[in-house]
Amino acid sequence: MIPDKIVFVDDSLEDAFNNLIEKDPTKKALIKAIKDIKGNCYCGRNVKKKLIPKKLIEKYGINNLWIYNLPSSWRLLYSLTNSGEI
């Protein structure tokens, strides 16, 4: 399964990402993560369903959660959907 589309959970998060300068190491790491996820959407570590915070399930209606480790102990959380929407 190769994702057709990457969707940010909200506009403010997408704006924050877009406002990072291109040389920012965090932006570079996020771009690499997005490319990796597009190449293999299962490249992250799967969170067991019982450990997904209820707040995320209620707010975004997700039923799966994945963790992609970034440098400096940062983590990218992502969910997979069939529709391309969260």
N, C-alpha and C. Protein backbone atom coordinates (compact mmCIF):
# COMPACT_ATOMS: atom_id res chain seq x y z
N MET A 1 0.85 -1.19 0.00
CA MET A 1 0.00 0.00 0.00
C MET A 1 0.88 1.24 0.00
N ILE A 2 0.80 2.03 -1.03
CA ILE A 2 1.56 3.27 -1.12
C ILE A 2 0.59 4.43 -0.99
N PRO A 3 0.83 5.30 -0.01
CA PRO A 3 -0.10 6.41 0.16
C PRO A 3 -0.08 7.36 -1.04
N ASP A 4 -1.26 7.77 -1.46
CA ASP A 4 -1.38 8.72 -2.57
C ASP A 4 -1.11 10.14 -2.08
N LYS A 5 -1.39 10.34 -0.82
CA LYS A 5 -1.43 11.71 -0.33
C LYS A 5 -1.04 11.74 1.14
N ILE A 6 -0.29 12.76 1.51
CA ILE A 6 0.04 13.01 2.92
C ILE A 6 -0.84 14.17 3.36
N VAL A 7 -1.54 14.00 4.48
CA VAL A 7 -2.45 15.02 4.99
C VAL A 7 -2.01 15.39 6.41
N PHE A 8 -1.85 16.68 6.65
CA PHE A 8 -1.54 17.14 8.00
C PHE A 8 -2.83 17.15 8.81
N VAL A 9 -2.70 16.91 10.11
CA VAL A 9 -3.87 16.79 10.96
C VAL A 9 -4.63 18.12 11.07
N ASP A 10 -3.93 19.25 10.96
CA ASP A 10 -4.62 20.54 10.92
C ASP A 10 -3.76 21.56 10.19
N ASP A 11 -4.39 22.65 9.80
CA ASP A 11 -3.72 23.67 9.01
C ASP A 11 -2.56 24.33 9.74
N SER A 12 -2.67 24.52 11.05
CA SER A 12 -1.60 25.19 11.79
C SER A 12 -0.33 24.34 11.80
N LEU A 13 -0.48 23.02 11.84
CA LEU A 13 0.68 22.14 11.79
C LEU A 13 1.34 22.21 10.41
N GLU A 14 0.52 22.21 9.39
CA GLU A 14 1.05 22.31 8.02
C GLU A 14 1.74 23.66 7.82
N ASP A 15 1.15 24.73 8.35
CA ASP A 15 1.76 26.06 8.24
C ASP A 15 3.11 26.10 8.96
N ALA A 16 3.18 25.49 10.15
CA ALA A 16 4.44 25.46 10.91
C ALA A 16 5.51 24.73 10.12
N PHE A 17 5.14 23.60 9.50
CA PHE A 17 6.09 22.85 8.67
C PHE A 17 6.55 23.71 7.49
N ASN A 18 5.61 24.34 6.79
CA ASN A 18 5.95 25.14 5.61
C ASN A 18 6.78 26.37 5.96
N ASN A 19 6.66 26.87 7.19
CA ASN A 19 7.41 28.05 7.61
C ASN A 19 8.84 27.74 8.06
N LEU A 20 9.17 26.47 8.21
CA LEU A 20 10.55 26.11 8.55
C LEU A 20 11.43 26.39 7.34
N ILE A 21 12.65 26.90 7.59
CA ILE A 21 13.56 27.14 6.47
C ILE A 21 14.05 25.81 5.93
N GLU A 22 14.39 25.79 4.66
CA GLU A 22 14.78 24.54 3.99
C GLU A 22 15.99 23.88 4.64
N LYS A 23 16.90 24.66 5.21
CA LYS A 23 18.11 24.10 5.81
C LYS A 23 17.88 23.61 7.24
N ASP A 24 16.71 23.83 7.79
CA ASP A 24 16.42 23.41 9.16
C ASP A 24 16.52 21.88 9.25
N PRO A 25 17.32 21.36 10.21
CA PRO A 25 17.47 19.91 10.32
C PRO A 25 16.16 19.17 10.61
N THR A 26 15.26 19.82 11.31
CA THR A 26 13.96 19.20 11.59
C THR A 26 13.16 19.07 10.31
N LYS A 27 13.16 20.11 9.49
CA LYS A 27 12.43 20.04 8.21
C LYS A 27 13.03 18.97 7.31
N LYS A 28 14.36 18.90 7.26
CA LYS A 28 15.02 17.87 6.45
C LYS A 28 14.62 16.48 6.92
N ALA A 29 14.59 16.28 8.25
CA ALA A 29 14.22 14.97 8.80
C ALA A 29 12.76 14.64 8.49
N LEU A 30 11.88 15.64 8.55
CA LEU A 30 10.47 15.42 8.24
C LEU A 30 10.26 15.09 6.76
N ILE A 31 10.99 15.77 5.90
CA ILE A 31 10.90 15.49 4.47
C ILE A 31 11.37 14.07 4.19
N LYS A 32 12.46 13.65 4.83
CA LYS A 32 12.95 12.27 4.67
C LYS A 32 11.91 11.28 5.18
N ALA A 33 11.29 11.58 6.32
CA ALA A 33 10.27 10.70 6.88
C ALA A 33 9.09 10.56 5.93
N ILE A 34 8.65 11.67 5.36
CA ILE A 34 7.52 11.64 4.42
C ILE A 34 7.87 10.79 3.21
N LYS A 35 9.10 10.94 2.69
CA LYS A 35 9.52 10.13 1.54
C LYS A 35 9.56 8.65 1.92
N ASP A 36 10.10 8.36 3.12
CA ASP A 36 10.16 6.97 3.57
C ASP A 36 8.76 6.36 3.71
N ILE A 37 7.84 7.13 4.29
CA ILE A 37 6.47 6.65 4.48
C ILE A 37 5.77 6.46 3.14
N LYS A 38 6.01 7.37 2.20
CA LYS A 38 5.42 7.21 0.86
C LYS A 38 5.96 5.95 0.19
N GLY A 39 7.22 5.61 0.44
CA GLY A 39 7.82 4.41 -0.14
C GLY A 39 7.37 3.13 0.54
N ASN A 40 7.14 3.21 1.85
CA ASN A 40 6.71 2.04 2.63
C ASN A 40 5.93 2.56 3.82
N CYS A 41 4.63 2.59 3.71
CA CYS A 41 3.81 3.19 4.76
C CYS A 41 3.90 2.44 6.10
N TYR A 42 4.48 1.24 6.08
CA TYR A 42 4.64 0.47 7.31
C TYR A 42 6.05 0.59 7.89
N CYS A 43 6.81 1.59 7.47
CA CYS A 43 8.20 1.72 7.92
C CYS A 43 8.30 2.16 9.38
N GLY A 44 7.25 2.72 9.92
CA GLY A 44 7.26 3.12 11.32
C GLY A 44 6.95 1.96 12.24
N ARG A 45 6.88 2.27 13.50
CA ARG A 45 6.56 1.27 14.52
C ARG A 45 5.08 1.39 14.85
N ASN A 46 4.36 0.30 14.77
CA ASN A 46 2.92 0.29 15.01
C ASN A 46 2.63 0.36 16.51
N VAL A 47 1.68 1.22 16.87
CA VAL A 47 1.23 1.34 18.25
C VAL A 47 0.06 0.38 18.44
N LYS A 48 0.11 -0.43 19.48
CA LYS A 48 -1.00 -1.35 19.75
C LYS A 48 -2.27 -0.55 19.95
N LYS A 49 -3.37 -1.07 19.42
CA LYS A 49 -4.64 -0.35 19.47
C LYS A 49 -5.04 0.07 20.88
N LYS A 50 -4.79 -0.78 21.86
CA LYS A 50 -5.19 -0.44 23.23
C LYS A 50 -4.32 0.68 23.83
N LEU A 51 -3.19 1.00 23.17
CA LEU A 51 -2.32 2.07 23.66
C LEU A 51 -2.52 3.40 22.94
N ILE A 52 -3.38 3.41 21.91
CA ILE A 52 -3.67 4.67 21.22
C ILE A 52 -4.50 5.54 22.15
N PRO A 53 -4.06 6.77 22.42
CA PRO A 53 -4.83 7.64 23.32
C PRO A 53 -6.26 7.84 22.83
N LYS A 54 -7.21 7.69 23.74
CA LYS A 54 -8.63 7.83 23.39
C LYS A 54 -8.92 9.20 22.79
N LYS A 55 -8.18 10.21 23.23
CA LYS A 55 -8.37 11.56 22.72
C LYS A 55 -8.13 11.60 21.20
N LEU A 56 -7.11 10.88 20.74
CA LEU A 56 -6.83 10.85 19.30
C LEU A 56 -7.92 10.11 18.54
N ILE A 57 -8.40 9.03 19.12
CA ILE A 57 -9.47 8.26 18.49
C ILE A 57 -10.73 9.10 18.37
N GLU A 58 -11.09 9.79 19.46
CA GLU A 58 -12.32 10.61 19.46
C GLU A 58 -12.18 11.83 18.56
N LYS A 59 -11.04 12.50 18.62
CA LYS A 59 -10.88 13.75 17.87
C LYS A 59 -10.71 13.52 16.37
N TYR A 60 -9.94 12.48 16.00
CA TYR A 60 -9.60 12.28 14.59
C TYR A 60 -10.20 11.02 13.98
N GLY A 61 -10.83 10.19 14.79
CA GLY A 61 -11.45 8.98 14.28
C GLY A 61 -10.47 7.97 13.73
N ILE A 62 -9.26 7.96 14.28
CA ILE A 62 -8.26 7.01 13.77
C ILE A 62 -8.45 5.64 14.42
N ASN A 63 -8.01 4.61 13.73
CA ASN A 63 -8.05 3.27 14.31
C ASN A 63 -6.68 2.60 14.24
N ASN A 64 -5.66 3.38 13.83
CA ASN A 64 -4.30 2.89 13.84
C ASN A 64 -3.36 4.06 14.04
N LEU A 65 -2.22 3.80 14.62
CA LEU A 65 -1.24 4.85 14.87
C LEU A 65 0.15 4.26 14.68
N TRP A 66 1.00 5.02 14.03
CA TRP A 66 2.36 4.60 13.75
C TRP A 66 3.32 5.67 14.25
N ILE A 67 4.50 5.25 14.64
CA ILE A 67 5.54 6.16 15.13
C ILE A 67 6.76 6.02 14.23
N TYR A 68 7.23 7.16 13.74
CA TYR A 68 8.47 7.20 12.95
C TYR A 68 9.46 8.01 13.77
N ASN A 69 10.58 7.40 14.14
CA ASN A 69 11.58 8.10 14.95
C ASN A 69 12.36 9.09 14.12
N LEU A 70 12.48 10.30 14.65
CA LEU A 70 13.24 11.37 14.03
C LEU A 70 14.48 11.65 14.89
N PRO A 71 15.45 12.40 14.36
CA PRO A 71 16.63 12.74 15.17
C PRO A 71 16.26 13.57 16.41
N SER A 72 17.16 13.59 17.36
CA SER A 72 17.02 14.38 18.59
C SER A 72 15.79 13.98 19.41
N SER A 73 15.47 12.71 19.39
CA SER A 73 14.36 12.14 20.17
C SER A 73 12.98 12.66 19.77
N TRP A 74 12.85 13.27 18.61
CA TRP A 74 11.55 13.67 18.09
C TRP A 74 10.90 12.45 17.45
N ARG A 75 9.58 12.48 17.39
CA ARG A 75 8.84 11.40 16.75
C ARG A 75 7.72 11.97 15.89
N LEU A 76 7.51 11.34 14.77
CA LEU A 76 6.40 11.69 13.89
C LEU A 76 5.32 10.64 14.09
N LEU A 77 4.13 11.07 14.43
CA LEU A 77 3.00 10.16 14.57
C LEU A 77 2.17 10.25 13.30
N TYR A 78 1.78 9.09 12.78
CA TYR A 78 0.95 9.09 11.58
C TYR A 78 -0.04 7.94 11.63
N SER A 79 -1.11 8.12 10.85
CA SER A 79 -2.15 7.13 10.75
C SER A 79 -2.42 6.85 9.29
N LEU A 80 -2.82 5.63 8.97
CA LEU A 80 -3.10 5.24 7.60
C LEU A 80 -4.61 5.15 7.39
N THR A 81 -5.06 5.67 6.26
CA THR A 81 -6.49 5.58 5.92
C THR A 81 -6.62 5.14 4.47
N ASN A 82 -7.78 4.68 4.11
CA ASN A 82 -8.05 4.33 2.72
C ASN A 82 -8.40 5.54 1.89
N SER A 83 -9.01 6.54 2.52
CA SER A 83 -9.52 7.67 1.78
C SER A 83 -8.51 8.79 1.60
N GLY A 84 -7.40 8.73 2.31
CA GLY A 84 -6.43 9.82 2.25
C GLY A 84 -6.78 10.96 3.18
N GLU A 85 -7.82 10.79 3.97
CA GLU A 85 -8.22 11.83 4.92
C GLU A 85 -8.16 11.30 6.32
N ILE A 86 -7.92 12.21 7.24
CA ILE A 86 -7.90 11.83 8.66
C ILE A 86 -9.25 12.12 9.25
